[in-house]
Amino acid sequence: MIELTANDFHTLWSNHMRWAKYAIDWQEKIDEQRFEPTPKLTWKSAYWFNDDGNFLWARTYLAQANIPYEIINDTYVDEYLILTDLEYKS
């Protein structure tokens, strides 16, 4: 079995933003039906993935580490979006 770390996770995404901090701005995008299904606004972080393989590895890491997450399709950029409370610290 392959063991993934938080450092591995943070090499996989193509874009990251804070989520809950900007809930007002994201609500406008939700109202425009940018996301499928409708995401919760309470997550701390949003991670976009432009590579299906990287998305699968990232999801595997979160599941193995028992970190709650939500998977969303961002129709504006046609990428997977993972919402979670895992925060990126640069």
PDB file of N, CA and C in Angstrom:
ATOM      1  N   MET A   1       0.827  -1.169   0.000  1.00  0.00           N
ATOM      2  CA  MET A   1       0.000   0.000   0.000  1.00  0.00           C
ATOM      3  C   MET A   1       0.882   1.246   0.000  1.00  0.00           C
ATOM      4  N   ILE A   2       0.495   2.237  -0.779  1.00  0.00           N
ATOM      5  CA  ILE A   2       1.234   3.487  -0.855  1.00  0.00           C
ATOM      6  C   ILE A   2       0.735   4.420   0.238  1.00  0.00           C
ATOM      7  N   GLU A   3       1.659   4.950   1.008  1.00  0.00           N
ATOM      8  CA  GLU A   3       1.317   5.906   2.067  1.00  0.00           C
ATOM      9  C   GLU A   3       1.558   7.315   1.535  1.00  0.00           C
ATOM     10  N   LEU A   4       0.531   8.133   1.574  1.00  0.00           N
ATOM     11  CA  LEU A   4       0.651   9.510   1.136  1.00  0.00           C
ATOM     12  C   LEU A   4       0.706  10.427   2.355  1.00  0.00           C
ATOM     13  N   THR A   5       1.373  11.559   2.205  1.00  0.00           N
ATOM     14  CA  THR A   5       1.494  12.520   3.294  1.00  0.00           C
ATOM     15  C   THR A   5       0.825  13.836   2.897  1.00  0.00           C
ATOM     16  N   ALA A   6       0.691  14.731   3.866  1.00  0.00           N
ATOM     17  CA  ALA A   6       0.157  16.065   3.569  1.00  0.00           C
ATOM     18  C   ALA A   6       1.046  16.776   2.562  1.00  0.00           C
ATOM     19  N   ASN A   7       2.361  16.574   2.660  1.00  0.00           N
ATOM     20  CA  ASN A   7       3.263  17.180   1.677  1.00  0.00           C
ATOM     21  C   ASN A   7       2.980  16.656   0.278  1.00  0.00           C
ATOM     22  N   ASP A   8       2.701  15.359   0.163  1.00  0.00           N
ATOM     23  CA  ASP A   8       2.332  14.787  -1.140  1.00  0.00           C
ATOM     24  C   ASP A   8       1.063  15.445  -1.659  1.00  0.00           C
ATOM     25  N   PHE A   9       0.069  15.567  -0.782  1.00  0.00           N
ATOM     26  CA  PHE A   9      -1.203  16.172  -1.173  1.00  0.00           C
ATOM     27  C   PHE A   9      -0.977  17.559  -1.775  1.00  0.00           C
ATOM     28  N   HIS A  10      -0.121  18.326  -1.142  1.00  0.00           N
ATOM     29  CA  HIS A  10       0.069  19.713  -1.568  1.00  0.00           C
ATOM     30  C   HIS A  10       0.890  19.849  -2.846  1.00  0.00           C
ATOM     31  N   THR A  11       1.384  18.750  -3.385  1.00  0.00           N
ATOM     32  CA  THR A  11       2.043  18.810  -4.695  1.00  0.00           C
ATOM     33  C   THR A  11       1.088  18.442  -5.827  1.00  0.00           C
ATOM     34  N   LEU A  12      -0.124  18.045  -5.482  1.00  0.00           N
ATOM     35  CA  LEU A  12      -1.050  17.497  -6.480  1.00  0.00           C
ATOM     36  C   LEU A  12      -2.024  18.504  -7.060  1.00  0.00           C
ATOM     37  N   TRP A  13      -2.408  19.522  -6.323  1.00  0.00           N
ATOM     38  CA  TRP A  13      -3.443  20.434  -6.790  1.00  0.00           C
ATOM     39  C   TRP A  13      -2.872  21.481  -7.740  1.00  0.00           C
ATOM     40  N   SER A  14      -3.760  22.031  -8.570  1.00  0.00           N
ATOM     41  CA  SER A  14      -3.344  23.057  -9.533  1.00  0.00           C
ATOM     42  C   SER A  14      -3.633  24.463  -9.028  1.00  0.00           C
ATOM     43  N   ASN A  15      -4.580  24.597  -8.099  1.00  0.00           N
ATOM     44  CA  ASN A  15      -4.920  25.902  -7.543  1.00  0.00           C
ATOM     45  C   ASN A  15      -5.527  25.697  -6.162  1.00  0.00           C
ATOM     46  N   HIS A  16      -5.283  26.644  -5.275  1.00  0.00           N
ATOM     47  CA  HIS A  16      -5.810  26.576  -3.918  1.00  0.00           C
ATOM     48  C   HIS A  16      -6.301  27.954  -3.510  1.00  0.00           C
ATOM     49  N   MET A  17      -7.413  27.994  -2.794  1.00  0.00           N
ATOM     50  CA  MET A  17      -7.926  29.247  -2.246  1.00  0.00           C
ATOM     51  C   MET A  17      -8.597  28.966  -0.918  1.00  0.00           C
ATOM     52  N   ARG A  18      -8.663  29.996  -0.100  1.00  0.00           N
ATOM     53  CA  ARG A  18      -9.481  29.887   1.104  1.00  0.00           C
ATOM     54  C   ARG A  18     -10.936  29.871   0.652  1.00  0.00           C
ATOM     55  N   TRP A  19     -11.751  29.147   1.361  1.00  0.00           N
ATOM     56  CA  TRP A  19     -13.141  28.975   0.938  1.00  0.00           C
ATOM     57  C   TRP A  19     -14.098  29.744   1.845  1.00  0.00           C
ATOM     58  N   ALA A  20     -14.177  29.364   3.114  1.00  0.00           N
ATOM     59  CA  ALA A  20     -15.153  29.978   4.018  1.00  0.00           C
ATOM     60  C   ALA A  20     -14.906  31.475   4.200  1.00  0.00           C
ATOM     61  N   LYS A  21     -13.633  31.869   4.175  1.00  0.00           N
ATOM     62  CA  LYS A  21     -13.310  33.284   4.369  1.00  0.00           C
ATOM     63  C   LYS A  21     -13.960  34.157   3.293  1.00  0.00           C
ATOM     64  N   TYR A  22     -14.144  33.594   2.110  1.00  0.00           N
ATOM     65  CA  TYR A  22     -14.721  34.342   0.995  1.00  0.00           C
ATOM     66  C   TYR A  22     -16.106  33.826   0.626  1.00  0.00           C
ATOM     67  N   ALA A  23     -16.848  33.357   1.619  1.00  0.00           N
ATOM     68  CA  ALA A  23     -18.154  32.726   1.376  1.00  0.00           C
ATOM     69  C   ALA A  23     -19.108  33.639   0.619  1.00  0.00           C
ATOM     70  N   ILE A  24     -19.051  34.934   0.892  1.00  0.00           N
ATOM     71  CA  ILE A  24     -19.958  35.847   0.183  1.00  0.00           C
ATOM     72  C   ILE A  24     -19.672  35.826  -1.309  1.00  0.00           C
ATOM     73  N   ASP A  25     -18.391  35.860  -1.681  1.00  0.00           N
ATOM     74  CA  ASP A  25     -18.028  35.820  -3.097  1.00  0.00           C
ATOM     75  C   ASP A  25     -18.399  34.474  -3.732  1.00  0.00           C
ATOM     76  N   TRP A  26     -18.177  33.386  -3.002  1.00  0.00           N
ATOM     77  CA  TRP A  26     -18.498  32.067  -3.547  1.00  0.00           C
ATOM     78  C   TRP A  26     -20.005  31.874  -3.671  1.00  0.00           C
ATOM     79  N   GLN A  27     -20.784  32.464  -2.784  1.00  0.00           N
ATOM     80  CA  GLN A  27     -22.234  32.332  -2.877  1.00  0.00           C
ATOM     81  C   GLN A  27     -22.731  32.874  -4.211  1.00  0.00           C
ATOM     82  N   GLU A  28     -22.149  33.955  -4.665  1.00  0.00           N
ATOM     83  CA  GLU A  28     -22.522  34.515  -5.967  1.00  0.00           C
ATOM     84  C   GLU A  28     -22.256  33.509  -7.083  1.00  0.00           C
ATOM     85  N   LYS A  29     -21.125  32.817  -7.015  1.00  0.00           N
ATOM     86  CA  LYS A  29     -20.787  31.798  -8.028  1.00  0.00           C
ATOM     87  C   LYS A  29     -21.720  30.596  -7.924  1.00  0.00           C
ATOM     88  N   ILE A  30     -22.107  30.240  -6.704  1.00  0.00           N
ATOM     89  CA  ILE A  30     -23.056  29.148  -6.512  1.00  0.00           C
ATOM     90  C   ILE A  30     -24.400  29.518  -7.132  1.00  0.00           C
ATOM     91  N   ASP A  31     -24.820  30.760  -6.900  1.00  0.00           N
ATOM     92  CA  ASP A  31     -26.088  31.223  -7.477  1.00  0.00           C
ATOM     93  C   ASP A  31     -26.056  31.200  -9.006  1.00  0.00           C
ATOM     94  N   GLU A  32     -24.881  31.362  -9.585  1.00  0.00           N
ATOM     95  CA  GLU A  32     -24.719  31.300 -11.044  1.00  0.00           C
ATOM     96  C   GLU A  32     -24.615  29.855 -11.534  1.00  0.00           C
ATOM     97  N   GLN A  33     -24.731  28.898 -10.611  1.00  0.00           N
ATOM     98  CA  GLN A  33     -24.677  27.456 -10.903  1.00  0.00           C
ATOM     99  C   GLN A  33     -23.337  27.036 -11.492  1.00  0.00           C
ATOM    100  N   ARG A  34     -22.281  27.618 -10.956  1.00  0.00           N
ATOM    101  CA  ARG A  34     -20.932  27.271 -11.398  1.00  0.00           C
ATOM    102  C   ARG A  34     -20.519  25.896 -10.911  1.00  0.00           C
ATOM    103  N   PHE A  35     -21.033  25.462  -9.763  1.00  0.00           N
ATOM    104  CA  PHE A  35     -20.587  24.224  -9.128  1.00  0.00           C
ATOM    105  C   PHE A  35     -21.682  23.169  -9.141  1.00  0.00           C
ATOM    106  N   GLU A  36     -21.261  21.922  -9.336  1.00  0.00           N
ATOM    107  CA  GLU A  36     -22.178  20.780  -9.298  1.00  0.00           C
ATOM    108  C   GLU A  36     -21.553  19.692  -8.439  1.00  0.00           C
ATOM    109  N   PRO A  37     -22.228  19.180  -7.432  1.00  0.00           N
ATOM    110  CA  PRO A  37     -23.454  19.697  -6.834  1.00  0.00           C
ATOM    111  C   PRO A  37     -23.155  20.981  -6.057  1.00  0.00           C
ATOM    112  N   THR A  38     -24.169  21.556  -5.472  1.00  0.00           N
ATOM    113  CA  THR A  38     -24.012  22.793  -4.715  1.00  0.00           C
ATOM    114  C   THR A  38     -23.128  22.543  -3.490  1.00  0.00           C
ATOM    115  N   PRO A  39     -22.018  23.273  -3.378  1.00  0.00           N
ATOM    116  CA  PRO A  39     -21.098  23.035  -2.259  1.00  0.00           C
ATOM    117  C   PRO A  39     -21.532  23.741  -0.974  1.00  0.00           C
ATOM    118  N   LYS A  40     -21.029  23.226   0.140  1.00  0.00           N
ATOM    119  CA  LYS A  40     -21.199  23.888   1.430  1.00  0.00           C
ATOM    120  C   LYS A  40     -20.195  25.033   1.514  1.00  0.00           C
ATOM    121  N   LEU A  41     -20.559  26.075   2.211  1.00  0.00           N
ATOM    122  CA  LEU A  41     -19.674  27.230   2.342  1.00  0.00           C
ATOM    123  C   LEU A  41     -18.844  27.207   3.624  1.00  0.00           C
ATOM    124  N   THR A  42     -18.943  26.149   4.391  1.00  0.00           N
ATOM    125  CA  THR A  42     -18.284  26.103   5.695  1.00  0.00           C
ATOM    126  C   THR A  42     -16.867  25.539   5.656  1.00  0.00           C
ATOM    127  N   TRP A  43     -16.459  24.937   4.557  1.00  0.00           N
ATOM    128  CA  TRP A  43     -15.107  24.379   4.461  1.00  0.00           C
ATOM    129  C   TRP A  43     -14.076  25.506   4.508  1.00  0.00           C
ATOM    130  N   LYS A  44     -12.894  25.214   5.015  1.00  0.00           N
ATOM    131  CA  LYS A  44     -11.836  26.223   5.112  1.00  0.00           C
ATOM    132  C   LYS A  44     -11.090  26.426   3.795  1.00  0.00           C
ATOM    133  N   SER A  45     -10.877  25.339   3.036  1.00  0.00           N
ATOM    134  CA  SER A  45     -10.004  25.418   1.862  1.00  0.00           C
ATOM    135  C   SER A  45     -10.621  24.752   0.642  1.00  0.00           C
ATOM    136  N   ALA A  46     -10.225  25.277  -0.506  1.00  0.00           N
ATOM    137  CA  ALA A  46     -10.646  24.725  -1.800  1.00  0.00           C
ATOM    138  C   ALA A  46      -9.398  24.399  -2.612  1.00  0.00           C
ATOM    139  N   TYR A  47      -9.386  23.187  -3.177  1.00  0.00           N
ATOM    140  CA  TYR A  47      -8.260  22.749  -4.003  1.00  0.00           C
ATOM    141  C   TYR A  47      -8.798  22.290  -5.355  1.00  0.00           C
ATOM    142  N   TRP A  48      -8.267  22.860  -6.437  1.00  0.00           N
ATOM    143  CA  TRP A  48      -8.668  22.469  -7.790  1.00  0.00           C
ATOM    144  C   TRP A  48      -7.625  21.518  -8.364  1.00  0.00           C
ATOM    145  N   PHE A  49      -8.097  20.603  -9.207  1.00  0.00           N
ATOM    146  CA  PHE A  49      -7.227  19.598  -9.823  1.00  0.00           C
ATOM    147  C   PHE A  49      -7.494  19.564 -11.324  1.00  0.00           C
ATOM    148  N   ASN A  50      -6.461  19.853 -12.116  1.00  0.00           N
ATOM    149  CA  ASN A  50      -6.611  19.812 -13.569  1.00  0.00           C
ATOM    150  C   ASN A  50      -6.107  18.493 -14.153  1.00  0.00           C
ATOM    151  N   ASP A  51      -5.759  17.558 -13.278  1.00  0.00           N
ATOM    152  CA  ASP A  51      -5.270  16.254 -13.698  1.00  0.00           C
ATOM    153  C   ASP A  51      -6.052  15.182 -12.940  1.00  0.00           C
ATOM    154  N   ASP A  52      -6.698  14.291 -13.680  1.00  0.00           N
ATOM    155  CA  ASP A  52      -7.532  13.262 -13.043  1.00  0.00           C
ATOM    156  C   ASP A  52      -6.731  12.362 -12.103  1.00  0.00           C
ATOM    157  N   GLY A  53      -5.522  12.003 -12.494  1.00  0.00           N
ATOM    158  CA  GLY A  53      -4.685  11.149 -11.651  1.00  0.00           C
ATOM    159  C   GLY A  53      -4.336  11.835 -10.343  1.00  0.00           C
ATOM    160  N   ASN A  54      -3.958  13.099 -10.416  1.00  0.00           N
ATOM    161  CA  ASN A  54      -3.642  13.854  -9.201  1.00  0.00           C
ATOM    162  C   ASN A  54      -4.866  13.980  -8.308  1.00  0.00           C
ATOM    163  N   PHE A  55      -6.020  14.175  -8.921  1.00  0.00           N
ATOM    164  CA  PHE A  55      -7.270  14.238  -8.152  1.00  0.00           C
ATOM    165  C   PHE A  55      -7.500  12.932  -7.393  1.00  0.00           C
ATOM    166  N   LEU A  56      -7.308  11.804  -8.056  1.00  0.00           N
ATOM    167  CA  LEU A  56      -7.519  10.506  -7.407  1.00  0.00           C
ATOM    168  C   LEU A  56      -6.535  10.287  -6.262  1.00  0.00           C
ATOM    169  N   TRP A  57      -5.281  10.670  -6.454  1.00  0.00           N
ATOM    170  CA  TRP A  57      -4.293  10.542  -5.384  1.00  0.00           C
ATOM    171  C   TRP A  57      -4.656  11.433  -4.202  1.00  0.00           C
ATOM    172  N   ALA A  58      -5.085  12.644  -4.492  1.00  0.00           N
ATOM    173  CA  ALA A  58      -5.454  13.578  -3.423  1.00  0.00           C
ATOM    174  C   ALA A  58      -6.636  13.045  -2.628  1.00  0.00           C
ATOM    175  N   ARG A  59      -7.632  12.540  -3.327  1.00  0.00           N
ATOM    176  CA  ARG A  59      -8.802  11.974  -2.658  1.00  0.00           C
ATOM    177  C   ARG A  59      -8.394  10.767  -1.815  1.00  0.00           C
ATOM    178  N   THR A  60      -7.478   9.974  -2.329  1.00  0.00           N
ATOM    179  CA  THR A  60      -6.977   8.810  -1.583  1.00  0.00           C
ATOM    180  C   THR A  60      -6.295   9.251  -0.300  1.00  0.00           C
ATOM    181  N   TYR A  61      -5.465  10.281  -0.384  1.00  0.00           N
ATOM    182  CA  TYR A  61      -4.798  10.779   0.821  1.00  0.00           C
ATOM    183  C   TYR A  61      -5.811  11.208   1.872  1.00  0.00           C
ATOM    184  N   LEU A  62      -6.789  12.013   1.470  1.00  0.00           N
ATOM    185  CA  LEU A  62      -7.786  12.503   2.430  1.00  0.00           C
ATOM    186  C   LEU A  62      -8.551  11.350   3.071  1.00  0.00           C
ATOM    187  N   ALA A  63      -8.903  10.358   2.279  1.00  0.00           N
ATOM    188  CA  ALA A  63      -9.635   9.199   2.814  1.00  0.00           C
ATOM    189  C   ALA A  63      -8.760   8.415   3.789  1.00  0.00           C
ATOM    190  N   GLN A  64      -7.493   8.176   3.419  1.00  0.00           N
ATOM    191  CA  GLN A  64      -6.580   7.433   4.294  1.00  0.00           C
ATOM    192  C   GLN A  64      -6.336   8.168   5.607  1.00  0.00           C
ATOM    193  N   ALA A  65      -6.286   9.496   5.546  1.00  0.00           N
ATOM    194  CA  ALA A  65      -5.997  10.299   6.734  1.00  0.00           C
ATOM    195  C   ALA A  65      -7.272  10.642   7.512  1.00  0.00           C
ATOM    196  N   ASN A  66      -8.404  10.116   7.060  1.00  0.00           N
ATOM    197  CA  ASN A  66      -9.699  10.399   7.705  1.00  0.00           C
ATOM    198  C   ASN A  66      -9.981  11.892   7.819  1.00  0.00           C
ATOM    199  N   ILE A  67      -9.656  12.617   6.760  1.00  0.00           N
ATOM    200  CA  ILE A  67      -9.916  14.056   6.702  1.00  0.00           C
ATOM    201  C   ILE A  67     -11.187  14.257   5.882  1.00  0.00           C
ATOM    202  N   PRO A  68     -12.219  14.835   6.481  1.00  0.00           N
ATOM    203  CA  PRO A  68     -13.467  15.044   5.746  1.00  0.00           C
ATOM    204  C   PRO A  68     -13.258  15.970   4.538  1.00  0.00           C
ATOM    205  N   TYR A  69     -14.022  15.700   3.485  1.00  0.00           N
ATOM    206  CA  TYR A  69     -13.921  16.501   2.274  1.00  0.00           C
ATOM    207  C   TYR A  69     -15.197  16.387   1.472  1.00  0.00           C
ATOM    208  N   GLU A  70     -15.322  17.254   0.499  1.00  0.00           N
ATOM    209  CA  GLU A  70     -16.467  17.253  -0.418  1.00  0.00           C
ATOM    210  C   GLU A  70     -15.916  17.412  -1.834  1.00  0.00           C
ATOM    211  N   ILE A  71     -16.438  16.624  -2.759  1.00  0.00           N
ATOM    212  CA  ILE A  71     -16.001  16.696  -4.157  1.00  0.00           C
ATOM    213  C   ILE A  71     -17.040  17.450  -4.969  1.00  0.00           C
ATOM    214  N   ILE A  72     -16.562  18.423  -5.719  1.00  0.00           N
ATOM    215  CA  ILE A  72     -17.417  19.292  -6.523  1.00  0.00           C
ATOM    216  C   ILE A  72     -16.838  19.372  -7.926  1.00  0.00           C
ATOM    217  N   ASN A  73     -17.685  19.548  -8.912  1.00  0.00           N
ATOM    218  CA  ASN A  73     -17.227  19.845 -10.270  1.00  0.00           C
ATOM    219  C   ASN A  73     -17.365  21.345 -10.480  1.00  0.00           C
ATOM    220  N   ASP A  74     -16.261  21.992 -10.821  1.00  0.00           N
ATOM    221  CA  ASP A  74     -16.273  23.420 -11.134  1.00  0.00           C
ATOM    222  C   ASP A  74     -16.470  23.534 -12.637  1.00  0.00           C
ATOM    223  N   THR A  75     -17.687  23.842 -13.040  1.00  0.00           N
ATOM    224  CA  THR A  75     -18.017  23.851 -14.472  1.00  0.00           C
ATOM    225  C   THR A  75     -17.381  25.019 -15.214  1.00  0.00           C
ATOM    226  N   TYR A  76     -16.977  26.052 -14.487  1.00  0.00           N
ATOM    227  CA  TYR A  76     -16.359  27.210 -15.124  1.00  0.00           C
ATOM    228  C   TYR A  76     -14.987  26.866 -15.694  1.00  0.00           C
ATOM    229  N   VAL A  77     -14.204  26.094 -14.950  1.00  0.00           N
ATOM    230  CA  VAL A  77     -12.863  25.711 -15.407  1.00  0.00           C
ATOM    231  C   VAL A  77     -12.784  24.234 -15.787  1.00  0.00           C
ATOM    232  N   ASP A  78     -13.902  23.508 -15.638  1.00  0.00           N
ATOM    233  CA  ASP A  78     -13.972  22.084 -15.948  1.00  0.00           C
ATOM    234  C   ASP A  78     -12.889  21.299 -15.205  1.00  0.00           C
ATOM    235  N   GLU A  79     -12.844  21.505 -13.891  1.00  0.00           N
ATOM    236  CA  GLU A  79     -11.889  20.803 -13.038  1.00  0.00           C
ATOM    237  C   GLU A  79     -12.603  20.273 -11.801  1.00  0.00           C
ATOM    238  N   TYR A  80     -12.002  19.228 -11.235  1.00  0.00           N
ATOM    239  CA  TYR A  80     -12.482  18.753  -9.942  1.00  0.00           C
ATOM    240  C   TYR A  80     -12.067  19.752  -8.874  1.00  0.00           C
ATOM    241  N   LEU A  81     -12.904  19.887  -7.888  1.00  0.00           N
ATOM    242  CA  LEU A  81     -12.666  20.760  -6.750  1.00  0.00           C
ATOM    243  C   LEU A  81     -12.890  19.942  -5.489  1.00  0.00           C
ATOM    244  N   ILE A  82     -11.909  19.956  -4.605  1.00  0.00           N
ATOM    245  CA  ILE A  82     -12.066  19.302  -3.305  1.00  0.00           C
ATOM    246  C   ILE A  82     -12.133  20.391  -2.251  1.00  0.00           C
ATOM    247  N   LEU A  83     -13.205  20.373  -1.480  1.00  0.00           N
ATOM    248  CA  LEU A  83     -13.361  21.268  -0.348  1.00  0.00           C
ATOM    249  C   LEU A  83     -13.084  20.485   0.917  1.00  0.00           C
ATOM    250  N   THR A  84     -12.311  21.067   1.816  1.00  0.00           N
ATOM    251  CA  THR A  84     -11.901  20.384   3.034  1.00  0.00           C
ATOM    252  C   THR A  84     -11.476  21.407   4.077  1.00  0.00           C
ATOM    253  N   ASP A  85     -11.254  20.953   5.285  1.00  0.00           N
ATOM    254  CA  ASP A  85     -10.705  21.820   6.322  1.00  0.00           C
ATOM    255  C   ASP A  85      -9.185  21.725   6.401  1.00  0.00           C
ATOM    256  N   LEU A  86      -8.580  20.894   5.562  1.00  0.00           N
ATOM    257  CA  LEU A  86      -7.130  20.810   5.497  1.00  0.00           C
ATOM    258  C   LEU A  86      -6.603  22.101   4.885  1.00  0.00           C
ATOM    259  N   GLU A  87      -5.769  22.816   5.642  1.00  0.00           N
ATOM    260  CA  GLU A  87      -5.279  24.091   5.172  1.00  0.00           C
ATOM    261  C   GLU A  87      -3.860  23.966   4.641  1.00  0.00           C
ATOM    262  N   TYR A  88      -3.578  24.738   3.609  1.00  0.00           N
ATOM    263  CA  TYR A  88      -2.238  24.771   3.030  1.00  0.00           C
ATOM    264  C   TYR A  88      -1.419  25.813   3.765  1.00  0.00           C
ATOM    265  N   LYS A  89      -0.262  25.404   4.214  1.00  0.00           N
ATOM    266  CA  LYS A  89       0.640  26.330   4.886  1.00  0.00           C
ATOM    267  C   LYS A  89       1.928  26.394   4.073  1.00  0.00           C
ATOM    268  N   SER A  90       2.145  27.527   3.443  1.00  0.00           N
ATOM    269  CA  SER A  90       3.331  27.664   2.589  1.00  0.00           C
ATOM    270  C   SER A  90       4.565  27.975   3.396  1.00  0.00           C
TER     271      SER A  90
END
